[in-house]
Amino acid sequence: MNVDARGLVCPQPVILTKNALKDKPAQVDVLVDGVAAIENVTRYATAMKYSVEKVATENGEFILKLRK
């Protein structure tokens, strides 16, 4: 599952992530473009027992790979 949270301000990226994790999938990729979104989504995912890998893209955005 993929979540596109680019251009959104907090708490919207966290809300989208929370909705994506509702059914406890094994993996979700969250596309973000802001430092606050990176920090807040990472914090939430970690609290939900997901590991988080941050991958930079060529255009300054990040993919947060959430894995159970």
N, C-alpha and C. Protein backbone atom coordinates (compact mmCIF):
# COMPACT_ATOMS: atom_id res chain seq x y z
N MET A 1 0.85 -1.17 0.00
CA MET A 1 0.00 0.00 0.00
C MET A 1 0.90 1.23 0.00
N ASN A 2 0.47 2.27 -0.71
CA ASN A 2 1.22 3.51 -0.77
C ASN A 2 0.35 4.67 -0.29
N VAL A 3 0.97 5.60 0.43
CA VAL A 3 0.30 6.81 0.90
C VAL A 3 1.08 7.99 0.33
N ASP A 4 0.38 8.89 -0.35
CA ASP A 4 1.02 10.09 -0.89
C ASP A 4 0.64 11.27 0.00
N ALA A 5 1.59 11.71 0.83
CA ALA A 5 1.34 12.81 1.76
C ALA A 5 2.16 14.05 1.38
N ARG A 6 2.60 14.11 0.14
CA ARG A 6 3.37 15.28 -0.31
C ARG A 6 2.50 16.53 -0.29
N GLY A 7 3.10 17.62 0.16
CA GLY A 7 2.41 18.90 0.16
C GLY A 7 1.42 19.08 1.30
N LEU A 8 1.29 18.10 2.15
CA LEU A 8 0.35 18.20 3.26
C LEU A 8 1.08 18.60 4.54
N VAL A 9 0.41 19.38 5.36
CA VAL A 9 1.00 19.78 6.64
C VAL A 9 0.42 18.91 7.75
N CYS A 10 1.20 18.75 8.79
CA CYS A 10 0.76 17.93 9.92
C CYS A 10 -0.44 18.58 10.58
N PRO A 11 -1.36 17.75 10.99
CA PRO A 11 -1.26 16.30 11.21
C PRO A 11 -1.73 15.43 10.05
N GLN A 12 -2.02 15.99 8.90
CA GLN A 12 -2.61 15.22 7.79
C GLN A 12 -1.77 14.01 7.38
N PRO A 13 -0.43 14.11 7.23
CA PRO A 13 0.33 12.91 6.88
C PRO A 13 0.19 11.79 7.92
N VAL A 14 0.13 12.15 9.19
CA VAL A 14 -0.03 11.14 10.24
C VAL A 14 -1.43 10.52 10.17
N ILE A 15 -2.44 11.33 9.90
CA ILE A 15 -3.80 10.81 9.79
C ILE A 15 -3.90 9.82 8.63
N LEU A 16 -3.30 10.17 7.48
CA LEU A 16 -3.31 9.26 6.33
C LEU A 16 -2.57 7.96 6.65
N THR A 17 -1.46 8.08 7.37
CA THR A 17 -0.69 6.90 7.77
C THR A 17 -1.49 6.05 8.73
N LYS A 18 -2.13 6.69 9.69
CA LYS A 18 -2.96 5.96 10.67
C LYS A 18 -4.05 5.17 9.95
N ASN A 19 -4.70 5.79 8.97
CA ASN A 19 -5.75 5.10 8.20
C ASN A 19 -5.17 3.92 7.43
N ALA A 20 -3.98 4.09 6.88
CA ALA A 20 -3.34 3.01 6.10
C ALA A 20 -2.94 1.84 6.99
N LEU A 21 -2.60 2.12 8.25
CA LEU A 21 -2.17 1.07 9.17
C LEU A 21 -3.32 0.44 9.95
N LYS A 22 -4.53 0.92 9.72
CA LYS A 22 -5.69 0.47 10.47
C LYS A 22 -5.86 -1.05 10.46
N ASP A 23 -5.65 -1.66 9.31
CA ASP A 23 -5.81 -3.12 9.20
C ASP A 23 -4.51 -3.87 9.42
N LYS A 24 -3.48 -3.18 9.92
CA LYS A 24 -2.18 -3.77 10.26
C LYS A 24 -1.52 -4.51 9.10
N PRO A 25 -1.34 -3.82 7.96
CA PRO A 25 -0.67 -4.47 6.83
C PRO A 25 0.82 -4.71 7.16
N ALA A 26 1.43 -5.61 6.43
CA ALA A 26 2.84 -5.92 6.66
C ALA A 26 3.76 -4.79 6.23
N GLN A 27 3.32 -4.01 5.22
CA GLN A 27 4.16 -2.92 4.75
C GLN A 27 3.34 -1.81 4.13
N VAL A 28 3.82 -0.58 4.33
CA VAL A 28 3.21 0.61 3.75
C VAL A 28 4.35 1.56 3.39
N ASP A 29 4.27 2.17 2.22
CA ASP A 29 5.23 3.20 1.82
C ASP A 29 4.52 4.54 1.88
N VAL A 30 5.14 5.50 2.59
CA VAL A 30 4.56 6.83 2.73
C VAL A 30 5.48 7.84 2.06
N LEU A 31 4.97 8.56 1.08
CA LEU A 31 5.74 9.57 0.35
C LEU A 31 5.50 10.92 1.01
N VAL A 32 6.58 11.55 1.48
CA VAL A 32 6.49 12.85 2.17
C VAL A 32 7.52 13.81 1.61
N ASP A 33 7.32 15.10 1.91
CA ASP A 33 8.27 16.10 1.43
C ASP A 33 8.64 17.14 2.47
N GLY A 34 8.32 16.89 3.72
CA GLY A 34 8.64 17.86 4.76
C GLY A 34 9.27 17.20 5.97
N VAL A 35 10.14 17.95 6.65
CA VAL A 35 10.84 17.43 7.82
C VAL A 35 9.86 17.05 8.92
N ALA A 36 8.87 17.90 9.17
CA ALA A 36 7.89 17.61 10.23
C ALA A 36 7.13 16.33 9.92
N ALA A 37 6.75 16.13 8.66
CA ALA A 37 6.04 14.92 8.27
C ALA A 37 6.91 13.69 8.47
N ILE A 38 8.18 13.79 8.12
CA ILE A 38 9.11 12.66 8.32
C ILE A 38 9.15 12.29 9.80
N GLU A 39 9.36 13.29 10.64
CA GLU A 39 9.49 13.04 12.09
C GLU A 39 8.20 12.49 12.68
N ASN A 40 7.06 13.09 12.34
CA ASN A 40 5.81 12.70 12.95
C ASN A 40 5.32 11.33 12.46
N VAL A 41 5.46 11.06 11.16
CA VAL A 41 5.05 9.75 10.65
C VAL A 41 5.96 8.67 11.22
N THR A 42 7.26 8.95 11.31
CA THR A 42 8.20 7.99 11.89
C THR A 42 7.85 7.70 13.33
N ARG A 43 7.56 8.73 14.10
CA ARG A 43 7.20 8.57 15.51
C ARG A 43 5.94 7.72 15.65
N TYR A 44 4.93 8.01 14.83
CA TYR A 44 3.68 7.26 14.90
C TYR A 44 3.90 5.79 14.51
N ALA A 45 4.60 5.57 13.41
CA ALA A 45 4.82 4.20 12.93
C ALA A 45 5.61 3.38 13.95
N THR A 46 6.60 4.00 14.56
CA THR A 46 7.39 3.32 15.58
C THR A 46 6.52 2.94 16.77
N ALA A 47 5.65 3.84 17.17
CA ALA A 47 4.73 3.56 18.27
C ALA A 47 3.79 2.40 17.94
N MET A 48 3.51 2.23 16.64
CA MET A 48 2.64 1.15 16.19
C MET A 48 3.43 -0.13 15.89
N LYS A 49 4.69 -0.16 16.31
CA LYS A 49 5.56 -1.34 16.18
C LYS A 49 6.00 -1.63 14.75
N TYR A 50 6.13 -0.59 13.92
CA TYR A 50 6.66 -0.73 12.57
C TYR A 50 8.10 -0.22 12.55
N SER A 51 8.94 -0.87 11.77
CA SER A 51 10.27 -0.33 11.52
C SER A 51 10.13 0.69 10.39
N VAL A 52 11.01 1.69 10.38
CA VAL A 52 10.92 2.75 9.39
C VAL A 52 12.27 2.91 8.70
N GLU A 53 12.26 2.81 7.38
CA GLU A 53 13.45 3.08 6.58
C GLU A 53 13.16 4.32 5.74
N LYS A 54 14.02 5.32 5.84
CA LYS A 54 13.84 6.56 5.09
C LYS A 54 14.71 6.50 3.84
N VAL A 55 14.07 6.65 2.67
CA VAL A 55 14.77 6.60 1.39
C VAL A 55 14.56 7.93 0.67
N ALA A 56 15.65 8.60 0.34
CA ALA A 56 15.55 9.87 -0.38
C ALA A 56 15.30 9.61 -1.87
N THR A 57 14.46 10.46 -2.47
CA THR A 57 14.24 10.38 -3.91
C THR A 57 15.07 11.47 -4.57
N GLU A 58 15.10 11.48 -5.89
CA GLU A 58 15.93 12.43 -6.63
C GLU A 58 15.44 13.87 -6.51
N ASN A 59 14.16 14.07 -6.21
CA ASN A 59 13.61 15.43 -6.19
C ASN A 59 13.42 15.99 -4.78
N GLY A 60 14.15 15.47 -3.81
CA GLY A 60 14.10 16.01 -2.46
C GLY A 60 12.97 15.49 -1.60
N GLU A 61 12.22 14.55 -2.11
CA GLU A 61 11.16 13.94 -1.32
C GLU A 61 11.70 12.67 -0.68
N PHE A 62 10.91 12.09 0.21
CA PHE A 62 11.34 10.87 0.90
C PHE A 62 10.24 9.84 0.87
N ILE A 63 10.67 8.58 0.79
CA ILE A 63 9.75 7.47 0.95
C ILE A 63 10.07 6.85 2.31
N LEU A 64 9.07 6.80 3.16
CA LEU A 64 9.20 6.14 4.44
C LEU A 64 8.64 4.73 4.28
N LYS A 65 9.53 3.75 4.37
CA LYS A 65 9.13 2.36 4.19
C LYS A 65 8.82 1.78 5.56
N LEU A 66 7.54 1.58 5.83
CA LEU A 66 7.09 1.04 7.11
C LEU A 66 6.92 -0.46 6.98
N ARG A 67 7.58 -1.21 7.85
CA ARG A 67 7.54 -2.67 7.80
C ARG A 67 7.23 -3.24 9.16
N LYS A 68 6.42 -4.26 9.20
CA LYS A 68 6.05 -4.95 10.44
C LYS A 68 7.11 -5.95 10.78
